[in-house]
Every structure is written in structure tokens, then in C-alpha cells.
PDB file of all heavy atoms in Angstrom:
ATOM      1  N   LYS A   1       5.342  -0.619  13.051  1.00  0.00           N
ATOM      2  CA  LYS A   1       6.502  -1.204  13.720  1.00  0.00           C
ATOM      3  C   LYS A   1       7.220  -2.171  12.788  1.00  0.00           C
ATOM      4  O   LYS A   1       6.600  -2.736  11.884  1.00  0.00           O
ATOM      5  CB  LYS A   1       6.058  -1.939  14.982  1.00  0.00           C
ATOM      6  CG  LYS A   1       5.351  -1.045  16.001  1.00  0.00           C
ATOM      7  CD  LYS A   1       4.824  -1.858  17.167  1.00  0.00           C
ATOM      8  CE  LYS A   1       4.058  -0.971  18.149  1.00  0.00           C
ATOM      9  NZ  LYS A   1       3.492  -1.765  19.266  1.00  0.00           N
ATOM     10  N   SER A   2       8.497  -2.339  13.037  1.00  0.00           N
ATOM     11  CA  SER A   2       9.237  -3.341  12.269  1.00  0.00           C
ATOM     12  C   SER A   2       8.606  -4.708  12.488  1.00  0.00           C
ATOM     13  O   SER A   2       8.179  -5.050  13.599  1.00  0.00           O
ATOM     14  CB  SER A   2      10.713  -3.372  12.700  1.00  0.00           C
ATOM     15  OG  SER A   2      11.357  -2.171  12.336  1.00  0.00           O
ATOM     16  N   LEU A   3       8.541  -5.489  11.406  1.00  0.00           N
ATOM     17  CA  LEU A   3       7.909  -6.820  11.379  1.00  0.00           C
ATOM     18  C   LEU A   3       6.385  -6.734  11.428  1.00  0.00           C
ATOM     19  O   LEU A   3       5.714  -7.690  11.790  1.00  0.00           O
ATOM     20  CB  LEU A   3       8.447  -7.736  12.476  1.00  0.00           C
ATOM     21  CG  LEU A   3       9.961  -7.970  12.456  1.00  0.00           C
ATOM     22  CD1 LEU A   3      10.381  -8.880  13.598  1.00  0.00           C
ATOM     23  CD2 LEU A   3      10.393  -8.566  11.124  1.00  0.00           C
ATOM     24  N   ASP A   4       5.850  -5.579  11.031  1.00  0.00           N
ATOM     25  CA  ASP A   4       4.427  -5.476  10.737  1.00  0.00           C
ATOM     26  C   ASP A   4       4.210  -5.898   9.282  1.00  0.00           C
ATOM     27  O   ASP A   4       5.082  -5.679   8.422  1.00  0.00           O
ATOM     28  CB  ASP A   4       3.921  -4.040  10.910  1.00  0.00           C
ATOM     29  CG  ASP A   4       3.459  -3.745  12.338  1.00  0.00           C
ATOM     30  OD1 ASP A   4       3.274  -4.707  13.108  1.00  0.00           O
ATOM     31  OD2 ASP A   4       3.287  -2.559  12.664  1.00  0.00           O
ATOM     32  N   LEU A   5       3.065  -6.489   9.011  1.00  0.00           N
ATOM     33  CA  LEU A   5       2.698  -6.880   7.654  1.00  0.00           C
ATOM     34  C   LEU A   5       1.649  -5.911   7.151  1.00  0.00           C
ATOM     35  O   LEU A   5       0.606  -5.733   7.787  1.00  0.00           O
ATOM     36  CB  LEU A   5       2.147  -8.308   7.654  1.00  0.00           C
ATOM     37  CG  LEU A   5       1.859  -8.953   6.298  1.00  0.00           C
ATOM     38  CD1 LEU A   5       3.173  -9.290   5.593  1.00  0.00           C
ATOM     39  CD2 LEU A   5       1.024 -10.210   6.466  1.00  0.00           C
ATOM     40  N   ILE A   6       1.933  -5.234   6.026  1.00  0.00           N
ATOM     41  CA  ILE A   6       0.940  -4.338   5.434  1.00  0.00           C
ATOM     42  C   ILE A   6      -0.070  -5.193   4.665  1.00  0.00           C
ATOM     43  O   ILE A   6       0.295  -5.906   3.727  1.00  0.00           O
ATOM     44  CB  ILE A   6       1.598  -3.314   4.493  1.00  0.00           C
ATOM     45  CG1 ILE A   6       2.556  -2.415   5.285  1.00  0.00           C
ATOM     46  CG2 ILE A   6       0.539  -2.465   3.795  1.00  0.00           C
ATOM     47  CD1 ILE A   6       3.295  -1.405   4.438  1.00  0.00           C
ATOM     48  N   VAL A   7      -1.320  -5.147   5.070  1.00  0.00           N
ATOM     49  CA  VAL A   7      -2.346  -5.976   4.438  1.00  0.00           C
ATOM     50  C   VAL A   7      -3.297  -5.162   3.574  1.00  0.00           C
ATOM     51  O   VAL A   7      -4.050  -5.726   2.771  1.00  0.00           O
ATOM     52  CB  VAL A   7      -3.143  -6.770   5.496  1.00  0.00           C
ATOM     53  CG1 VAL A   7      -2.247  -7.742   6.223  1.00  0.00           C
ATOM     54  CG2 VAL A   7      -3.828  -5.842   6.496  1.00  0.00           C
ATOM     55  N   GLY A   8      -3.258  -3.833   3.723  1.00  0.00           N
ATOM     56  CA  GLY A   8      -4.132  -3.011   2.906  1.00  0.00           C
ATOM     57  C   GLY A   8      -3.649  -1.578   2.839  1.00  0.00           C
ATOM     58  O   GLY A   8      -3.001  -1.072   3.757  1.00  0.00           O
ATOM     59  N   ILE A   9      -3.948  -0.933   1.706  1.00  0.00           N
ATOM     60  CA  ILE A   9      -3.654   0.498   1.527  1.00  0.00           C
ATOM     61  C   ILE A   9      -4.957   1.148   1.081  1.00  0.00           C
ATOM     62  O   ILE A   9      -5.463   0.845  -0.011  1.00  0.00           O
ATOM     63  CB  ILE A   9      -2.544   0.729   0.483  1.00  0.00           C
ATOM     64  CG1 ILE A   9      -1.242   0.060   0.936  1.00  0.00           C
ATOM     65  CG2 ILE A   9      -2.336   2.220   0.246  1.00  0.00           C
ATOM     66  CD1 ILE A   9      -0.132   0.137  -0.087  1.00  0.00           C
ATOM     67  N   GLY A  10      -5.515   1.999   1.918  1.00  0.00           N
ATOM     68  CA  GLY A  10      -6.849   2.522   1.640  1.00  0.00           C
ATOM     69  C   GLY A  10      -7.832   1.364   1.646  1.00  0.00           C
ATOM     70  O   GLY A  10      -7.891   0.571   2.588  1.00  0.00           O
ATOM     71  N   ASP A  11      -8.593   1.244   0.562  1.00  0.00           N
ATOM     72  CA  ASP A  11      -9.551   0.142   0.435  1.00  0.00           C
ATOM     73  C   ASP A  11      -8.979  -1.021  -0.372  1.00  0.00           C
ATOM     74  O   ASP A  11      -9.682  -1.991  -0.647  1.00  0.00           O
ATOM     75  CB  ASP A  11     -10.837   0.638  -0.238  1.00  0.00           C
ATOM     76  CG  ASP A  11     -11.556   1.673   0.610  1.00  0.00           C
ATOM     77  OD1 ASP A  11     -11.490   1.556   1.852  1.00  0.00           O
ATOM     78  OD2 ASP A  11     -12.169   2.594   0.033  1.00  0.00           O
ATOM     79  N   GLN A  12      -7.707  -0.928  -0.740  1.00  0.00           N
ATOM     80  CA  GLN A  12      -7.089  -1.931  -1.618  1.00  0.00           C
ATOM     81  C   GLN A  12      -6.285  -2.954  -0.810  1.00  0.00           C
ATOM     82  O   GLN A  12      -5.429  -2.597   0.001  1.00  0.00           O
ATOM     83  CB  GLN A  12      -6.147  -1.231  -2.618  1.00  0.00           C
ATOM     84  CG  GLN A  12      -5.461  -2.152  -3.602  1.00  0.00           C
ATOM     85  CD  GLN A  12      -6.408  -2.683  -4.663  1.00  0.00           C
ATOM     86  OE1 GLN A  12      -7.154  -1.942  -5.269  1.00  0.00           O
ATOM     87  NE2 GLN A  12      -6.364  -3.988  -4.883  1.00  0.00           N
ATOM     88  N   LYS A  13      -6.577  -4.226  -1.031  1.00  0.00           N
ATOM     89  CA  LYS A  13      -5.774  -5.288  -0.416  1.00  0.00           C
ATOM     90  C   LYS A  13      -4.421  -5.344  -1.112  1.00  0.00           C
ATOM     91  O   LYS A  13      -4.330  -5.207  -2.334  1.00  0.00           O
ATOM     92  CB  LYS A  13      -6.493  -6.637  -0.572  1.00  0.00           C
ATOM     93  CG  LYS A  13      -5.718  -7.815  -0.009  1.00  0.00           C
ATOM     94  CD  LYS A  13      -6.424  -9.129  -0.340  1.00  0.00           C
ATOM     95  CE  LYS A  13      -5.587 -10.317   0.116  1.00  0.00           C
ATOM     96  NZ  LYS A  13      -6.176 -11.608  -0.305  1.00  0.00           N
ATOM     97  N   VAL A  14      -3.352  -5.540  -0.343  1.00  0.00           N
ATOM     98  CA  VAL A  14      -2.014  -5.610  -0.931  1.00  0.00           C
ATOM     99  C   VAL A  14      -1.293  -6.844  -0.395  1.00  0.00           C
ATOM    100  O   VAL A  14      -1.314  -7.105   0.811  1.00  0.00           O
ATOM    101  CB  VAL A  14      -1.205  -4.324  -0.648  1.00  0.00           C
ATOM    102  CG1 VAL A  14      -1.092  -4.047   0.833  1.00  0.00           C
ATOM    103  CG2 VAL A  14       0.189  -4.401  -1.266  1.00  0.00           C
ATOM    104  N   ASP A  15      -0.689  -7.610  -1.306  1.00  0.00           N
ATOM    105  CA  ASP A  15      -0.043  -8.871  -0.930  1.00  0.00           C
ATOM    106  C   ASP A  15       1.461  -8.887  -1.175  1.00  0.00           C
ATOM    107  O   ASP A  15       2.182  -9.633  -0.513  1.00  0.00           O
ATOM    108  CB  ASP A  15      -0.654 -10.042  -1.718  1.00  0.00           C
ATOM    109  CG  ASP A  15      -2.115 -10.267  -1.370  1.00  0.00           C
ATOM    110  OD1 ASP A  15      -2.419 -10.361  -0.171  1.00  0.00           O
ATOM    111  OD2 ASP A  15      -2.945 -10.355  -2.297  1.00  0.00           O
ATOM    112  N   TYR A  16       1.936  -8.096  -2.151  1.00  0.00           N
ATOM    113  CA  TYR A  16       3.326  -8.230  -2.588  1.00  0.00           C
ATOM    114  C   TYR A  16       4.070  -6.904  -2.500  1.00  0.00           C
ATOM    115  O   TYR A  16       3.516  -5.839  -2.778  1.00  0.00           O
ATOM    116  CB  TYR A  16       3.379  -8.754  -4.035  1.00  0.00           C
ATOM    117  CG  TYR A  16       2.536  -9.985  -4.252  1.00  0.00           C
ATOM    118  CD1 TYR A  16       1.536  -9.999  -5.220  1.00  0.00           C
ATOM    119  CD2 TYR A  16       2.732 -11.130  -3.485  1.00  0.00           C
ATOM    120  CE1 TYR A  16       0.748 -11.121  -5.416  1.00  0.00           C
ATOM    121  CE2 TYR A  16       1.950 -12.259  -3.676  1.00  0.00           C
ATOM    122  CZ  TYR A  16       0.962 -12.246  -4.640  1.00  0.00           C
ATOM    123  OH  TYR A  16       0.184 -13.362  -4.825  1.00  0.00           O
ATOM    124  N   TRP A  17       5.337  -7.011  -2.144  1.00  0.00           N
ATOM    125  CA  TRP A  17       6.180  -5.832  -2.000  1.00  0.00           C
ATOM    126  C   TRP A  17       6.279  -5.051  -3.306  1.00  0.00           C
ATOM    127  O   TRP A  17       6.289  -3.816  -3.308  1.00  0.00           O
ATOM    128  CB  TRP A  17       7.572  -6.259  -1.531  1.00  0.00           C
ATOM    129  CG  TRP A  17       8.484  -5.108  -1.288  1.00  0.00           C
ATOM    130  CD1 TRP A  17       9.410  -4.582  -2.129  1.00  0.00           C
ATOM    131  CD2 TRP A  17       8.520  -4.295  -0.112  1.00  0.00           C
ATOM    132  NE1 TRP A  17      10.036  -3.505  -1.567  1.00  0.00           N
ATOM    133  CE2 TRP A  17       9.501  -3.308  -0.321  1.00  0.00           C
ATOM    134  CE3 TRP A  17       7.817  -4.318   1.090  1.00  0.00           C
ATOM    135  CZ2 TRP A  17       9.796  -2.347   0.628  1.00  0.00           C
ATOM    136  CZ3 TRP A  17       8.106  -3.355   2.041  1.00  0.00           C
ATOM    137  CH2 TRP A  17       9.087  -2.382   1.807  1.00  0.00           C
ATOM    138  N   ARG A  18       6.327  -5.766  -4.434  1.00  0.00           N
ATOM    139  CA  ARG A  18       6.517  -5.080  -5.726  1.00  0.00           C
ATOM    140  C   ARG A  18       5.350  -4.137  -6.059  1.00  0.00           C
ATOM    141  O   ARG A  18       5.501  -3.233  -6.878  1.00  0.00           O
ATOM    142  CB  ARG A  18       6.685  -6.104  -6.852  1.00  0.00           C
ATOM    143  CG  ARG A  18       5.474  -6.975  -7.096  1.00  0.00           C
ATOM    144  CD  ARG A  18       5.634  -7.868  -8.321  1.00  0.00           C
ATOM    145  NE  ARG A  18       4.457  -8.692  -8.548  1.00  0.00           N
ATOM    146  CZ  ARG A  18       4.310  -9.922  -8.072  1.00  0.00           C
ATOM    147  NH1 ARG A  18       5.288 -10.469  -7.354  1.00  0.00           N
ATOM    148  NH2 ARG A  18       3.223 -10.613  -8.316  1.00  0.00           N
ATOM    149  N   ASN A  19       4.184  -4.361  -5.429  1.00  0.00           N
ATOM    150  CA  ASN A  19       3.016  -3.512  -5.706  1.00  0.00           C
ATOM    151  C   ASN A  19       2.866  -2.360  -4.721  1.00  0.00           C
ATOM    152  O   ASN A  19       1.962  -1.535  -4.875  1.00  0.00           O
ATOM    153  CB  ASN A  19       1.732  -4.356  -5.657  1.00  0.00           C
ATOM    154  CG  ASN A  19       1.693  -5.409  -6.749  1.00  0.00           C
ATOM    155  OD1 ASN A  19       2.286  -5.237  -7.811  1.00  0.00           O
ATOM    156  ND2 ASN A  19       1.002  -6.503  -6.488  1.00  0.00           N
ATOM    157  N   LEU A  20       3.740  -2.322  -3.722  1.00  0.00           N
ATOM    158  CA  LEU A  20       3.545  -1.383  -2.626  1.00  0.00           C
ATOM    159  C   LEU A  20       3.509   0.069  -3.102  1.00  0.00           C
ATOM    160  O   LEU A  20       2.582   0.816  -2.779  1.00  0.00           O
ATOM    161  CB  LEU A  20       4.647  -1.568  -1.582  1.00  0.00           C
ATOM    162  CG  LEU A  20       4.387  -0.970  -0.202  1.00  0.00           C
ATOM    163  CD1 LEU A  20       3.139  -1.583   0.428  1.00  0.00           C
ATOM    164  CD2 LEU A  20       5.589  -1.206   0.714  1.00  0.00           C
ATOM    165  N   ASN A  21       4.504   0.470  -3.889  1.00  0.00           N
ATOM    166  CA  ASN A  21       4.572   1.869  -4.314  1.00  0.00           C
ATOM    167  C   ASN A  21       3.425   2.260  -5.232  1.00  0.00           C
ATOM    168  O   ASN A  21       2.845   3.339  -5.090  1.00  0.00           O
ATOM    169  CB  ASN A  21       5.913   2.149  -4.998  1.00  0.00           C
ATOM    170  CG  ASN A  21       6.897   2.798  -4.038  1.00  0.00           C
ATOM    171  OD1 ASN A  21       6.632   3.856  -3.476  1.00  0.00           O
ATOM    172  ND2 ASN A  21       8.017   2.131  -3.814  1.00  0.00           N
ATOM    173  N   SER A  22       3.081   1.374  -6.169  1.00  0.00           N
ATOM    174  CA  SER A  22       1.996   1.710  -7.093  1.00  0.00           C
ATOM    175  C   SER A  22       0.669   1.824  -6.339  1.00  0.00           C
ATOM    176  O   SER A  22      -0.153   2.691  -6.641  1.00  0.00           O
ATOM    177  CB  SER A  22       1.899   0.663  -8.207  1.00  0.00           C
ATOM    178  OG  SER A  22       1.620  -0.619  -7.675  1.00  0.00           O
ATOM    179  N   PHE A  23       0.464   0.966  -5.337  1.00  0.00           N
ATOM    180  CA  PHE A  23      -0.762   1.045  -4.545  1.00  0.00           C
ATOM    181  C   PHE A  23      -0.774   2.298  -3.673  1.00  0.00           C
ATOM    182  O   PHE A  23      -1.835   2.896  -3.459  1.00  0.00           O
ATOM    183  CB  PHE A  23      -0.915  -0.206  -3.673  1.00  0.00           C
ATOM    184  CG  PHE A  23      -1.379  -1.421  -4.431  1.00  0.00           C
ATOM    185  CD1 PHE A  23      -1.376  -1.450  -5.818  1.00  0.00           C
ATOM    186  CD2 PHE A  23      -1.817  -2.545  -3.756  1.00  0.00           C
ATOM    187  CE1 PHE A  23      -1.793  -2.563  -6.520  1.00  0.00           C
ATOM    188  CE2 PHE A  23      -2.249  -3.670  -4.441  1.00  0.00           C
ATOM    189  CZ  PHE A  23      -2.236  -3.675  -5.839  1.00  0.00           C
ATOM    190  N   LEU A  24       0.387   2.678  -3.152  1.00  0.00           N
ATOM    191  CA  LEU A  24       0.467   3.906  -2.358  1.00  0.00           C
ATOM    192  C   LEU A  24       0.105   5.113  -3.209  1.00  0.00           C
ATOM    193  O   LEU A  24      -0.673   5.987  -2.789  1.00  0.00           O
ATOM    194  CB  LEU A  24       1.875   4.069  -1.777  1.00  0.00           C
ATOM    195  CG  LEU A  24       2.235   3.203  -0.571  1.00  0.00           C
ATOM    196  CD1 LEU A  24       3.732   3.288  -0.279  1.00  0.00           C
ATOM    197  CD2 LEU A  24       1.432   3.601   0.663  1.00  0.00           C
ATOM    198  N   HIS A  25       0.652   5.183  -4.426  1.00  0.00           N
ATOM    199  CA  HIS A  25       0.356   6.303  -5.317  1.00  0.00           C
ATOM    200  C   HIS A  25      -1.113   6.301  -5.737  1.00  0.00           C
ATOM    201  O   HIS A  25      -1.734   7.360  -5.859  1.00  0.00           O
ATOM    202  CB  HIS A  25       1.258   6.255  -6.547  1.00  0.00           C
ATOM    203  CG  HIS A  25       2.629   6.802  -6.311  1.00  0.00           C
ATOM    204  ND1 HIS A  25       2.899   8.152  -6.253  1.00  0.00           N
ATOM    205  CD2 HIS A  25       3.815   6.168  -6.087  1.00  0.00           C
ATOM    206  CE1 HIS A  25       4.199   8.338  -6.023  1.00  0.00           C
ATOM    207  NE2 HIS A  25       4.771   7.145  -5.917  1.00  0.00           N
ATOM    208  N   ALA A  26      -1.658   5.100  -5.948  1.00  0.00           N
ATOM    209  CA  ALA A  26      -3.057   5.008  -6.375  1.00  0.00           C
ATOM    210  C   ALA A  26      -4.015   5.447  -5.268  1.00  0.00           C
ATOM    211  O   ALA A  26      -5.134   5.884  -5.546  1.00  0.00           O
ATOM    212  CB  ALA A  26      -3.376   3.578  -6.806  1.00  0.00           C
ATOM    213  N   ALA A  27      -3.566   5.329  -4.011  1.00  0.00           N
ATOM    214  CA  ALA A  27      -4.436   5.638  -2.870  1.00  0.00           C
ATOM    215  C   ALA A  27      -4.487   7.132  -2.564  1.00  0.00           C
ATOM    216  O   ALA A  27      -5.336   7.575  -1.784  1.00  0.00           O
ATOM    217  CB  ALA A  27      -3.968   4.882  -1.632  1.00  0.00           C
ATOM    218  N   VAL A  28      -3.586   7.889  -3.153  1.00  0.00           N
ATOM    219  CA  VAL A  28      -3.545   9.329  -2.862  1.00  0.00           C
ATOM    220  C   VAL A  28      -3.484  10.115  -4.164  1.00  0.00           C
ATOM    221  O   VAL A  28      -3.185   9.592  -5.227  1.00  0.00           O
ATOM    222  CB  VAL A  28      -2.320   9.682  -1.985  1.00  0.00           C
ATOM    223  CG1 VAL A  28      -2.389   8.967  -0.655  1.00  0.00           C
ATOM    224  CG2 VAL A  28      -1.022   9.346  -2.705  1.00  0.00           C
ATOM    225  N   SER A  29      -3.767  11.385  -4.064  1.00  0.00           N
ATOM    226  CA  SER A  29      -3.588  12.292  -5.195  1.00  0.00           C
ATOM    227  C   SER A  29      -2.612  13.377  -4.760  1.00  0.00           C
ATOM    228  O   SER A  29      -2.245  13.468  -3.588  1.00  0.00           O
ATOM    229  CB  SER A  29      -4.928  12.924  -5.609  1.00  0.00           C
ATOM    230  OG  SER A  29      -5.354  13.830  -4.617  1.00  0.00           O
ATOM    231  N   LEU A  30      -2.180  14.174  -5.686  1.00  0.00           N
ATOM    232  CA  LEU A  30      -1.197  15.219  -5.375  1.00  0.00           C
ATOM    233  C   LEU A  30      -1.734  16.252  -4.381  1.00  0.00           C
ATOM    234  O   LEU A  30      -0.973  16.992  -3.768  1.00  0.00           O
ATOM    235  CB  LEU A  30      -0.754  15.912  -6.662  1.00  0.00           C
ATOM    236  CG  LEU A  30       0.081  15.052  -7.621  1.00  0.00           C
ATOM    237  CD1 LEU A  30       0.365  15.821  -8.897  1.00  0.00           C
ATOM    238  CD2 LEU A  30       1.389  14.642  -6.958  1.00  0.00           C
ATOM    239  N   LYS A  31      -3.065  16.312  -4.210  1.00  0.00           N
ATOM    240  CA  LYS A  31      -3.653  17.299  -3.295  1.00  0.00           C
ATOM    241  C   LYS A  31      -3.774  16.766  -1.872  1.00  0.00           C
ATOM    242  O   LYS A  31      -3.994  17.528  -0.936  1.00  0.00           O
ATOM    243  CB  LYS A  31      -5.028  17.733  -3.803  1.00  0.00           C
ATOM    244  CG  LYS A  31      -4.977  18.472  -5.145  1.00  0.00           C
ATOM    245  CD  LYS A  31      -6.375  18.861  -5.589  1.00  0.00           C
ATOM    246  CE  LYS A  31      -6.325  19.589  -6.930  1.00  0.00           C
ATOM    247  NZ  LYS A  31      -7.692  19.974  -7.397  1.00  0.00           N
TER     248      LYS A  31
END
């Protein structure tokens, strides 16, 4: 929902917007 705070991607804690895409890519593979 809007105004949700993303606190983790997979097993990785995430704090900053600038890291969001790199953490998303790191959490998945092309398969």
C-alpha cells in the first residue's frame, strides 16, 4: 500500500531508496 515502508527484500535488510533496485536484482535470478 502507499505509505508502506519496505524494511527487507528476501533476507536482506534495506534502509535507503538508492539501494532498492540493486537489492531487488540481488534477491532474484533471471530464472
